[in-house]
Protein backbone atom coordinates (compact mmCIF):
# COMPACT_ATOMS: atom_id res chain seq x y z
CA UNK A 1 47.85 -17.67 9.36
CA UNK A 2 45.25 -16.09 7.15
CA UNK A 3 42.63 -13.81 8.64
CA UNK A 4 39.05 -15.15 8.68
CA UNK A 5 36.19 -13.06 7.41
CA UNK A 6 33.97 -11.79 10.17
CA UNK A 7 30.82 -13.84 10.54
CA UNK A 8 28.79 -10.99 12.07
CA UNK A 9 28.76 -7.82 9.99
CA UNK A 10 27.31 -4.37 10.66
CA UNK A 11 24.71 -3.29 8.10
CA UNK A 12 22.61 -0.19 7.41
CA UNK A 13 18.87 -0.32 6.80
CA UNK A 14 17.19 2.49 4.82
CA UNK A 15 13.50 3.33 4.40
CA UNK A 16 12.27 2.62 0.86
CA UNK A 17 9.38 5.11 1.04
CA UNK A 18 11.43 8.21 1.96
CA UNK A 19 13.11 8.56 -1.44
CA UNK A 20 9.80 8.16 -3.30
CA UNK A 21 7.38 9.99 -0.99
CA UNK A 22 7.34 13.76 -1.57
CA UNK A 23 4.24 14.44 0.58
CA UNK A 24 5.67 13.29 3.90
CA UNK A 25 5.57 15.37 7.06
CA UNK A 26 9.28 16.37 7.07
CA UNK A 27 12.35 15.87 4.85
CA UNK A 28 14.97 13.18 5.46
CA UNK A 29 15.75 9.49 5.04
CA UNK A 30 15.31 7.08 7.93
CA UNK A 31 18.32 4.81 8.57
CA UNK A 32 18.95 2.11 11.16
CA UNK A 33 22.18 0.26 11.99
CA UNK A 34 22.14 -3.40 13.00
CA UNK A 35 24.20 -6.58 12.79
CA UNK A 36 23.52 -9.81 10.92
CA UNK A 37 25.10 -13.24 10.65
CA UNK A 38 26.61 -13.62 7.19
CA UNK A 39 26.25 -17.43 7.16
CA UNK A 40 22.58 -17.59 8.22
CA UNK A 41 21.42 -14.59 6.17
CA UNK A 42 23.42 -14.29 2.94
CA UNK A 43 20.68 -12.32 1.13
CA UNK A 44 19.85 -8.64 1.75
CA UNK A 45 17.82 -8.05 4.89
CA UNK A 46 14.38 -6.38 4.91
CA UNK A 47 12.72 -5.39 8.18
CA UNK A 48 9.61 -3.43 9.06
CA UNK A 49 10.76 -0.49 11.23
CA UNK A 50 9.31 2.86 12.29
CA UNK A 51 10.22 5.78 10.03
CA UNK A 52 10.08 9.08 11.91
CA UNK A 53 9.99 11.05 8.65
CA UNK A 54 7.00 9.17 7.19
CA UNK A 55 5.38 8.81 10.62
CA UNK A 56 4.55 5.09 10.23
CA UNK A 57 6.06 1.61 10.06
CA UNK A 58 7.63 0.96 6.65
CA UNK A 59 9.94 -1.56 5.01
CA UNK A 60 13.65 -0.83 5.53
CA UNK A 61 16.11 -2.55 3.16
CA UNK A 62 19.80 -3.24 3.57
CA UNK A 63 22.03 -0.82 1.67
CA UNK A 64 25.71 -0.88 0.73
CA UNK A 65 28.11 1.17 2.82
């Protein structure tokens, strides 16, 4: 029998403002780990999450591992 691809995959979300913003309160890039359903969400995920380096809620985009 052939192995099936996993339907639920683990993804990383990264803040889009951290790489561009040089005037933030401390250095670093905010990353979150979550899971998504590959069938229901085939496109890259974007969520609004809190970035501790920027000190506010920002858009976090899915990145490749």
